[in-house]
Amino acid sequence: MLTDQLAQGEWGGGGQRGINQFGNKYIPQTKPLTLERTIPLYPLTHYTFGKKEPFSEDSSVAARFQCMREEFDKIGIRRTIEGVLVVHERRLPHVLLLQLGTTFFRLPDGEFNPEDEVEGLKCLMTETLGHQGGVPQDWIIDDYIGNWWKPNFEPPRYLYIPAHITKPKEHKKLFSVQLQEKALFANPKNYKLVATPLLELYDNTPGHRSIISSLLQLLSRFNGEVKEAISVSTALHHIE
């Protein structure tokens, strides 16, 4: 089993005073350390996808970074969090992505307060994919899998803070989110929720952001346990 060591730690040469690249709090081990993790992968056909009101979006990339610049002047570094949801289709692992237009893909994400990132991610997942009026989804935040820094008001992100950067502009964390056996989702109307094979993401930066392209490595430390589909009479069907 391969583990992308770079993607698992918060490390690097530089950093803003007060910004700790090794900032995760130590949690005493209450159980023996498990070197291998297994996560259940349920069939895509177990999930129903509906629509809800569209998300507001910046008019352009330049507008998005201008907004980020103004925010930085007021509150400092932006802290964001992303959820990684994995299913299987014909026994092949697929990750759920939000697609805008024909070329832009993203993971469910949003900003959070550093002291409550797990609860913050649950709220963001409900806001992004929760079905209005339906049974509340019990999001299970499974594991912390990645860490990225944006040194400037530009697209590039790094696994560390470059040595010459004293004030990084964004810190992004990735968590795997364990799906229940069946669920009802609703994505914003201006986005399409797509299940993309993990193998198609590998080294595919032109079609996906660097974070998404790295998911195969980030998830490689897990063993995926493929769950078989339930009977057709009780299965939930995918709705476009």
Foldseek 3Di string as FASTA:
>chain_A
DAAPVLFAAQDEAAEAVVDDSRPDDDDDDPDPDDQAAEAEAAAPLQEEEAADAADDDQPDLVRVLVVLVVVCVPPNAWEKEFEWEWHDHPNFIWTKWKDADQFAIDGQMDTDDVVPVPVVVLVSCCVAWNDPPDDRFDKDFDAWQGKWFAQGSDQDIDSYHYHVGHGTRYIYTYTYIHHDNHYYIYGYPSIDIDTGGLVVLAPPCRRYPPVSSCVCNSCVSHHYDYDDDDDPVPGHGYDD
